[in-house]
Amino acid sequence: MNAVTQHAGPAEAGHHGVRLGSDALLSSGRLRGLRVGVVCNHASLDRGFQHIVDRLAAADGVTLSAIFGPQHGFRSDVQDNMIETPHRDDTTRRVPVYSLYSETREPTAEMLSGLDVLVIDLQDIGARIYTYIYTMANCLRACSRHGIPVIVCDRPNPINGVDVEGETLAPGYESFVGLFPIPMRHGMTIGELAKLFNSAFGLDARLEVAQMTGWSRELFADATNLPWVMPSPNMPTLDTAIVYPGGVLFEGTMISEGRGTTRPFELVGAPWIEAERFAAAMNALELPGAFFRPAVFEPTFQKHAKATCGGCQIHVTDRSAFKPVLTGAALIQMFRRCNPEKFAWRQPPYEYEHEKLPIDILAGSSRLRQQVEANAPLKEIADSWREDEAAFHALRQPYLLY
């Protein structure tokens, strides 16, 4: 497995001078004379706001032959989950745009026909439940089968590359929001995940990772010189990404996770909750790095659309101490404790899974649901993850690049 490297540029004032894997790849001449397909979306930009598709189209000797879009579409214009996007043509670059969130989630032989290499440039957000990393995995699998080399352009983990938290996905709970046994918060870059998936989980593609320079593992996205472009429609800010590894668990409940507001995953609530009392109960738990502000909101779509919901907004007061997965579990437990009769788990289908409860495939097994239903102490819940977290630290170590 080779890695494309680059020379670091000067750091901008107050920021680390991170250069992306796409910069390394395009400056290396590695693609000259090749017909290239690229998996990307609207957030596949460099620090100068140039899109990977435009850079490939303009690159000397490179033929841009196909574009592949993940969930929400190449242009990320499809707002909600579980809404497939169609194939289309890009009239600007005059190439086909194939949807990998359609009747297929893996590129077919026909889609890959005529390509010399597939480039992947997607922004992950650091959680197991984010389908872009499984689109990447499916591309590695398909390209292995059809003999097409893959180059993954590395990007920062926006919520740092140090912290690991949560249960490892258990056998039998695989889905498109969790294909492999990794914890909820994995602390890896997308390039590192590509290496892990390819080697440890047997995808066996001809893989190269175009590495970054200037990035170190402790950095959050706003400590780099890179622009924040929301990776998906409900990931508007870095604040959203920080809470997401726990907030996403609400997709497995009938509590609103704030979709249909300007603060998804930070706002959580339901019509039957009194905001001040709920927030006070959460603050009494003294969870690390978090304050729960009473909030009343009205989602414009999805759960409880047009209904007034009481709950809270999660404010992260100390990023280094904050535990998003523990916080998500505590919030779900508190909602259930407030009114067990009105609290409900969301029923399937969810992300192509038609039998298992969504909360189980999100959490990684039925364990968290059973702990919540048993009103298990939060320390017991967190302690039940420790063995998984330690094992993953060891598993990921050979694949870390920075």
Protein backbone atom coordinates (compact mmCIF):
# COMPACT_ATOMS: atom_id res chain seq x y z
CA MET A 1 0.00 0.00 0.00
CA ASN A 2 1.57 3.24 -1.13
CA ALA A 3 0.89 6.70 0.21
CA VAL A 4 0.99 9.95 -1.73
CA THR A 5 2.79 12.61 0.29
CA GLN A 6 3.33 16.34 -0.03
CA HIS A 7 5.29 19.24 1.41
CA ALA A 8 3.52 21.33 4.01
CA GLY A 9 2.74 24.94 3.29
CA PRO A 10 3.12 27.72 5.86
CA ALA A 11 0.52 27.83 8.62
CA GLU A 12 -1.90 30.70 8.53
CA ALA A 13 -2.00 32.94 11.59
CA GLY A 14 -3.77 31.21 14.45
CA HIS A 15 -4.33 27.99 12.51
CA HIS A 16 -2.45 24.83 11.66
CA GLY A 17 -1.47 24.79 8.00
CA VAL A 18 -3.26 21.62 6.98
CA ARG A 19 -2.95 20.56 3.36
CA LEU A 20 -5.43 17.97 2.16
CA GLY A 21 -4.82 14.65 0.50
CA SER A 22 -6.41 16.00 -2.66
CA ASP A 23 -3.65 18.63 -2.84
CA ALA A 24 -1.02 15.92 -2.54
CA LEU A 25 -2.64 13.81 -5.23
CA LEU A 26 -3.17 16.59 -7.76
CA SER A 27 0.34 17.99 -7.34
CA SER A 28 1.98 14.56 -7.65
CA GLY A 29 1.17 13.92 -11.32
CA ARG A 30 -0.05 10.48 -10.28
CA LEU A 31 -3.23 10.79 -12.39
CA ARG A 32 -1.63 12.01 -15.63
CA GLY A 33 -2.78 9.94 -18.60
CA LEU A 34 -5.57 8.24 -16.62
CA ARG A 35 -9.34 8.10 -16.93
CA VAL A 36 -10.60 9.02 -13.48
CA GLY A 37 -13.86 8.47 -11.63
CA VAL A 38 -14.41 10.46 -8.43
CA VAL A 39 -16.66 9.83 -5.41
CA CYS A 40 -17.47 13.19 -3.90
CA ASN A 41 -20.15 15.70 -2.95
CA HIS A 42 -20.53 19.45 -2.48
CA ALA A 43 -18.11 19.45 0.48
CA SER A 44 -15.21 18.00 -1.50
CA LEU A 45 -13.44 21.37 -1.56
CA ASP A 46 -9.89 22.48 -0.89
CA ARG A 47 -8.94 25.39 1.34
CA GLY A 48 -9.39 27.76 -1.61
CA PHE A 49 -12.98 26.52 -2.13
CA GLN A 50 -12.05 24.72 -5.35
CA HIS A 51 -14.03 21.54 -5.91
CA ILE A 52 -12.24 18.24 -6.58
CA VAL A 53 -14.31 17.73 -9.75
CA ASP A 54 -13.22 21.08 -11.19
CA ARG A 55 -9.60 20.46 -10.24
CA LEU A 56 -9.63 17.05 -11.90
CA ALA A 57 -11.32 18.42 -15.02
CA ALA A 58 -8.64 21.10 -15.32
CA ALA A 59 -5.67 18.86 -14.48
CA ASP A 60 -3.13 18.39 -17.26
CA GLY A 61 -3.47 15.01 -18.95
CA VAL A 62 -6.31 13.81 -16.70
CA THR A 63 -9.63 12.65 -18.14
CA LEU A 64 -12.58 13.06 -15.78
CA SER A 65 -14.85 10.19 -16.82
CA ALA A 66 -17.48 9.75 -14.09
CA ILE A 67 -18.79 11.26 -10.86
CA PHE A 68 -20.26 9.17 -8.03
CA GLY A 69 -22.44 10.72 -5.32
CA PRO A 70 -23.10 9.36 -1.79
CA GLN A 71 -26.25 9.70 0.34
CA HIS A 72 -28.01 13.06 -0.16
CA GLY A 73 -26.60 13.21 -3.69
CA PHE A 74 -23.54 14.63 -5.43
CA ARG A 75 -24.88 18.13 -4.78
CA SER A 76 -26.27 17.19 -1.34
CA ASP A 77 -29.66 18.56 -2.38
CA VAL A 78 -31.75 15.75 -0.88
CA GLN A 79 -32.53 16.76 2.69
CA ASP A 80 -33.89 13.71 4.49
CA ASN A 81 -32.65 10.20 5.23
CA MET A 82 -33.77 7.16 3.25
CA ILE A 83 -34.57 9.22 0.14
CA GLU A 84 -32.72 7.75 -2.82
CA THR A 85 -31.22 9.98 -5.49
CA PRO A 86 -31.35 9.34 -9.24
CA HIS A 87 -28.51 8.97 -11.71
CA ARG A 88 -28.06 11.99 -13.97
CA ASP A 89 -25.62 13.77 -16.25
CA ASP A 90 -23.46 16.68 -15.21
CA THR A 91 -24.10 19.19 -17.96
CA THR A 92 -21.16 21.40 -16.92
CA ARG A 93 -18.46 18.73 -17.11
CA ARG A 94 -20.38 16.49 -19.55
CA VAL A 95 -19.90 13.29 -17.57
CA PRO A 96 -22.36 10.89 -15.96
CA VAL A 97 -23.22 11.28 -12.27
CA TYR A 98 -23.98 7.91 -10.67
CA SER A 99 -25.88 7.75 -7.40
CA LEU A 100 -24.53 5.31 -4.83
CA TYR A 101 -27.65 5.83 -2.72
CA SER A 102 -30.13 4.46 -5.22
CA GLU A 103 -31.09 1.00 -6.45
CA THR A 104 -27.44 0.23 -5.77
CA ARG A 105 -25.10 1.39 -3.02
CA GLU A 106 -22.09 -0.12 -4.75
CA PRO A 107 -20.71 0.91 -8.15
CA THR A 108 -21.54 -1.64 -10.82
CA ALA A 109 -19.24 -3.05 -13.49
CA GLU A 110 -20.94 -0.80 -16.03
CA MET A 111 -20.34 2.30 -13.91
CA LEU A 112 -16.66 1.42 -13.49
CA SER A 113 -16.17 0.46 -17.12
CA GLY A 114 -13.45 2.49 -18.81
CA LEU A 115 -11.96 3.87 -15.58
CA ASP A 116 -8.27 3.53 -14.79
CA VAL A 117 -8.64 4.66 -11.17
CA LEU A 118 -11.36 5.66 -8.69
CA VAL A 119 -10.62 8.66 -6.47
CA ILE A 120 -12.60 9.13 -3.24
CA ASP A 121 -12.76 12.57 -1.61
CA LEU A 122 -15.46 12.67 1.09
CA GLN A 123 -15.64 14.48 4.42
CA ASP A 124 -16.40 12.12 7.29
CA ILE A 125 -17.46 13.43 10.70
CA GLY A 126 -15.95 10.90 13.08
CA ALA A 127 -18.90 8.64 13.94
CA ARG A 128 -19.67 5.04 13.00
CA ILE A 129 -23.13 6.16 11.90
CA TYR A 130 -22.28 8.17 8.81
CA THR A 131 -22.94 6.48 5.51
CA TYR A 132 -20.13 8.09 3.51
CA ILE A 133 -17.59 5.72 5.05
CA TYR A 134 -19.70 2.73 3.94
CA THR A 135 -20.06 4.17 0.45
CA MET A 136 -16.24 4.22 0.49
CA ALA A 137 -16.16 0.62 1.75
CA ASN A 138 -18.57 -0.50 -0.97
CA CYS A 139 -16.38 1.20 -3.57
CA LEU A 140 -13.31 -0.60 -2.25
CA ARG A 141 -15.17 -3.91 -2.44
CA ALA A 142 -16.43 -3.29 -5.98
CA CYS A 143 -13.07 -2.03 -7.22
CA SER A 144 -11.34 -5.06 -5.74
CA ARG A 145 -13.72 -7.28 -7.70
CA HIS A 146 -13.23 -5.40 -10.96
CA GLY A 147 -9.51 -4.69 -10.71
CA ILE A 148 -9.75 -0.89 -10.40
CA PRO A 149 -7.23 0.83 -8.09
CA VAL A 150 -8.60 3.27 -5.50
CA ILE A 151 -7.04 6.45 -4.13
CA VAL A 152 -8.61 7.93 -1.00
CA CYS A 153 -7.85 11.61 -0.45
CA ASP A 154 -7.48 12.05 3.28
CA ARG A 155 -9.28 14.74 5.27
CA PRO A 156 -9.28 15.66 8.98
CA ASN A 157 -11.55 14.02 11.48
CA PRO A 158 -13.35 17.23 12.48
CA ILE A 159 -13.95 16.14 16.09
CA ASN A 160 -10.30 15.07 16.61
CA GLY A 161 -8.45 11.84 15.99
CA VAL A 162 -7.76 10.94 19.61
CA ASP A 163 -11.02 10.11 21.37
CA VAL A 164 -12.72 6.74 21.05
CA GLU A 165 -16.09 6.18 22.72
CA GLY A 166 -18.95 3.74 22.72
CA GLU A 167 -19.89 0.18 22.02
CA THR A 168 -18.42 -1.75 19.10
CA LEU A 169 -20.96 -2.92 16.53
CA ALA A 170 -21.88 -6.52 17.39
CA PRO A 171 -22.16 -9.35 14.84
CA GLY A 172 -25.64 -9.55 13.35
CA TYR A 173 -26.29 -5.78 13.65
CA GLU A 174 -24.59 -4.75 10.42
CA SER A 175 -26.46 -2.22 8.25
CA PHE A 176 -25.72 0.72 5.97
CA VAL A 177 -25.21 2.85 9.09
CA GLY A 178 -22.73 0.35 10.49
CA LEU A 179 -20.99 -2.30 8.40
CA PHE A 180 -17.97 -3.09 10.55
CA PRO A 181 -17.12 -3.63 14.24
CA ILE A 182 -15.96 -0.15 15.21
CA PRO A 183 -17.11 2.04 18.15
CA MET A 184 -19.57 4.89 17.80
CA ARG A 185 -16.77 7.50 17.95
CA HIS A 186 -13.78 6.05 16.15
CA GLY A 187 -11.14 8.83 16.23
CA MET A 188 -9.79 8.08 12.74
CA THR A 189 -9.52 9.95 9.45
CA ILE A 190 -11.31 8.64 6.37
CA GLY A 191 -7.97 7.56 4.90
CA GLU A 192 -7.12 5.62 8.05
CA LEU A 193 -10.56 4.02 7.99
CA ALA A 194 -9.97 3.02 4.36
CA LYS A 195 -6.79 1.20 5.39
CA LEU A 196 -8.55 -0.45 8.33
CA PHE A 197 -11.55 -1.56 6.27
CA ASN A 198 -9.41 -2.76 3.41
CA SER A 199 -6.96 -4.83 5.44
CA ALA A 200 -8.63 -5.79 8.73
CA PHE A 201 -12.05 -6.43 7.22
CA GLY A 202 -10.91 -8.08 4.01
CA LEU A 203 -11.96 -5.71 1.21
CA ASP A 204 -8.58 -6.25 -0.50
CA ALA A 205 -8.66 -3.37 -2.99
CA ARG A 206 -5.53 -1.88 -4.56
CA LEU A 207 -5.58 1.07 -2.21
CA GLU A 208 -3.50 4.21 -1.94
CA VAL A 209 -4.11 6.95 0.59
CA ALA A 210 -3.16 10.49 -0.39
CA GLN A 211 -2.08 11.81 3.00
CA MET A 212 -2.46 15.23 4.57
CA THR A 213 0.35 17.22 6.08
CA GLY A 214 0.10 19.66 8.95
CA TRP A 215 -2.71 17.82 10.74
CA SER A 216 -2.29 16.36 14.21
CA ARG A 217 -4.69 14.12 16.02
CA GLU A 218 -5.82 16.48 18.77
CA LEU A 219 -7.16 19.12 16.37
CA PHE A 220 -10.80 19.99 15.90
CA ALA A 221 -11.88 21.38 12.54
CA ASP A 222 -11.77 25.02 13.62
CA ALA A 223 -8.08 24.69 14.54
CA THR A 224 -7.21 24.15 10.87
CA ASN A 225 -7.06 26.61 7.98
CA LEU A 226 -9.77 24.65 6.15
CA PRO A 227 -13.27 26.00 5.50
CA TRP A 228 -16.27 24.34 7.13
CA VAL A 229 -18.68 23.27 4.43
CA MET A 230 -21.50 21.21 5.89
CA PRO A 231 -20.80 17.60 4.85
CA SER A 232 -24.50 16.72 4.73
CA PRO A 233 -27.72 18.74 4.98
CA ASN A 234 -28.20 18.18 8.71
CA MET A 235 -24.58 18.83 9.70
CA PRO A 236 -24.54 22.63 9.54
CA THR A 237 -21.76 23.40 12.02
CA LEU A 238 -18.84 21.92 13.90
CA ASP A 239 -20.97 22.17 17.04
CA THR A 240 -23.38 19.74 15.39
CA ALA A 241 -20.60 17.31 14.56
CA ILE A 242 -19.27 17.36 18.14
CA VAL A 243 -22.60 16.23 19.62
CA TYR A 244 -23.56 13.95 16.73
CA PRO A 245 -22.02 10.64 17.96
CA GLY A 246 -24.62 10.72 20.77
CA GLY A 247 -27.33 12.86 19.23
CA VAL A 248 -27.71 10.43 16.32
CA LEU A 249 -29.07 7.83 18.75
CA PHE A 250 -32.29 9.84 18.83
CA GLU A 251 -32.98 8.63 15.30
CA GLY A 252 -33.86 5.35 17.04
CA THR A 253 -36.55 7.01 19.17
CA MET A 254 -39.72 9.02 18.66
CA ILE A 255 -38.03 12.01 20.33
CA SER A 256 -37.15 14.79 17.89
CA GLU A 257 -33.41 15.03 17.27
CA GLY A 258 -33.91 18.57 16.01
CA ARG A 259 -34.26 17.74 12.32
CA GLY A 260 -36.33 20.50 10.81
CA THR A 261 -34.59 23.12 12.97
CA THR A 262 -31.40 25.09 12.43
CA ARG A 263 -29.69 23.09 15.22
CA PRO A 264 -30.18 19.38 14.45
CA PHE A 265 -28.75 16.96 17.03
CA GLU A 266 -28.12 19.84 19.44
CA LEU A 267 -31.84 20.40 20.05
CA VAL A 268 -33.77 17.40 21.36
CA GLY A 269 -37.33 17.31 22.60
CA ALA A 270 -40.92 16.13 22.43
CA PRO A 271 -44.39 17.72 22.79
CA TRP A 272 -44.90 16.14 26.21
CA ILE A 273 -41.74 17.51 27.86
CA GLU A 274 -41.57 20.60 30.12
CA ALA A 275 -38.30 22.22 29.09
CA GLU A 276 -37.15 23.84 32.33
CA ARG A 277 -37.75 20.76 34.45
CA PHE A 278 -36.07 18.50 31.91
CA ALA A 279 -32.97 20.67 31.53
CA ALA A 280 -32.63 21.01 35.30
CA ALA A 281 -32.73 17.22 35.67
CA MET A 282 -30.03 16.83 33.00
CA ASN A 283 -27.78 19.46 34.57
CA ALA A 284 -28.15 17.72 37.94
CA LEU A 285 -26.33 14.72 36.41
CA GLU A 286 -23.19 16.89 36.11
CA LEU A 287 -22.11 15.27 32.86
CA PRO A 288 -18.60 16.32 31.80
CA GLY A 289 -18.22 19.25 29.43
CA ALA A 290 -21.93 19.89 28.86
CA PHE A 291 -24.66 22.32 29.85
CA PHE A 292 -28.31 21.70 29.00
CA ARG A 293 -30.24 24.87 28.26
CA PRO A 294 -34.05 24.62 28.38
CA ALA A 295 -35.37 24.95 24.84
CA VAL A 296 -38.76 24.95 23.12
CA PHE A 297 -38.79 24.48 19.35
CA GLU A 298 -41.02 23.56 16.44
CA PRO A 299 -39.58 21.24 13.78
CA THR A 300 -40.58 22.16 10.25
CA PHE A 301 -40.36 18.57 9.04
CA GLN A 302 -39.83 14.97 10.21
CA LYS A 303 -40.80 13.96 13.75
CA HIS A 304 -43.36 16.23 15.47
CA ALA A 305 -43.41 18.59 12.48
CA LYS A 306 -45.30 21.79 13.28
CA ALA A 307 -45.71 20.72 16.93
CA THR A 308 -44.18 22.57 19.87
CA CYS A 309 -41.50 20.43 21.52
CA GLY A 310 -39.97 20.93 24.94
CA GLY A 311 -36.48 19.75 25.72
CA CYS A 312 -33.02 21.24 25.68
CA GLN A 313 -30.10 22.38 23.62
CA ILE A 314 -26.79 20.67 24.32
CA HIS A 315 -24.06 23.26 24.84
CA VAL A 316 -20.54 21.83 24.91
CA THR A 317 -18.55 23.79 27.47
CA ASP A 318 -15.36 21.69 27.39
CA ARG A 319 -14.61 19.71 24.24
CA SER A 320 -11.81 17.72 25.80
CA ALA A 321 -14.05 16.48 28.63
CA PHE A 322 -17.31 16.09 26.69
CA LYS A 323 -18.51 12.53 26.09
CA PRO A 324 -21.06 12.67 23.26
CA VAL A 325 -22.12 9.02 23.37
CA LEU A 326 -22.57 9.01 27.14
CA THR A 327 -24.50 12.28 26.85
CA GLY A 328 -26.80 10.83 24.20
CA ALA A 329 -27.50 7.77 26.34
CA ALA A 330 -28.20 9.96 29.39
CA LEU A 331 -30.63 12.12 27.45
CA ILE A 332 -32.56 9.15 26.09
CA GLN A 333 -32.73 7.64 29.55
CA MET A 334 -34.03 10.93 30.99
CA PHE A 335 -36.74 11.28 28.34
CA ARG A 336 -37.94 7.76 29.12
CA ARG A 337 -37.76 8.42 32.86
CA CYS A 338 -39.87 11.56 32.47
CA ASN A 339 -42.77 9.67 30.89
CA PRO A 340 -42.34 5.94 30.20
CA GLU A 341 -45.85 5.74 28.72
CA LYS A 342 -45.22 8.35 26.04
CA PHE A 343 -41.59 7.50 25.32
CA ALA A 344 -41.30 5.13 22.35
CA TRP A 345 -38.59 3.49 20.28
CA ARG A 346 -38.81 4.13 16.56
CA GLN A 347 -40.02 1.13 14.57
CA PRO A 348 -38.39 -0.24 11.39
CA PRO A 349 -37.74 0.15 8.52
CA TYR A 350 -34.64 2.28 8.88
CA GLU A 351 -31.75 2.56 6.41
CA TYR A 352 -32.63 -0.64 4.51
CA GLU A 353 -33.12 -2.65 7.72
CA HIS A 354 -36.68 -3.97 7.98
CA GLU A 355 -36.62 -6.16 11.08
CA LYS A 356 -34.32 -4.95 13.85
CA LEU A 357 -35.22 -1.87 15.86
CA PRO A 358 -33.43 1.27 14.62
CA ILE A 359 -32.02 1.97 18.10
CA ASP A 360 -30.31 -1.43 18.07
CA ILE A 361 -28.58 -0.99 14.74
CA LEU A 362 -27.62 2.56 15.72
CA ALA A 363 -26.22 1.61 19.12
CA GLY A 364 -24.57 -1.51 17.73
CA SER A 365 -26.62 -4.13 19.58
CA SER A 366 -29.68 -4.40 21.83
CA ARG A 367 -27.56 -3.73 24.93
CA LEU A 368 -28.07 0.04 25.22
CA ARG A 369 -31.82 -0.28 24.70
CA GLN A 370 -32.01 -2.89 27.43
CA GLN A 371 -29.88 -0.76 29.76
CA VAL A 372 -32.17 2.24 29.20
CA GLU A 373 -35.27 0.14 29.80
CA ALA A 374 -33.72 -1.24 32.99
CA ASN A 375 -32.78 2.30 34.12
CA ALA A 376 -29.17 1.19 34.52
CA PRO A 377 -26.81 3.69 36.17
CA LEU A 378 -24.89 5.81 33.66
CA LYS A 379 -21.58 4.60 35.06
CA GLU A 380 -22.64 1.03 34.37
CA ILE A 381 -23.54 1.96 30.79
CA ALA A 382 -20.19 3.70 30.21
CA ASP A 383 -18.26 0.89 31.91
CA SER A 384 -19.87 -1.62 29.56
CA TRP A 385 -18.02 0.06 26.66
CA ARG A 386 -14.53 0.00 28.18
CA GLU A 387 -13.44 -3.37 26.84
CA ASP A 388 -14.64 -2.47 23.33
CA GLU A 389 -12.86 0.88 23.43
CA ALA A 390 -9.57 -0.66 24.58
CA ALA A 391 -9.75 -3.37 21.91
CA PHE A 392 -10.37 -0.81 19.19
CA HIS A 393 -7.46 1.35 20.29
CA ALA A 394 -5.26 -1.70 19.71
CA LEU A 395 -6.96 -2.66 16.43
CA ARG A 396 -6.65 0.78 14.86
CA GLN A 397 -3.04 1.45 15.87
CA PRO A 398 -1.33 -0.08 12.78
CA TYR A 399 -3.53 1.99 10.47
CA LEU A 400 -2.95 5.44 11.97
CA LEU A 401 -1.09 7.80 9.63
CA TYR A 402 -0.55 10.84 11.89
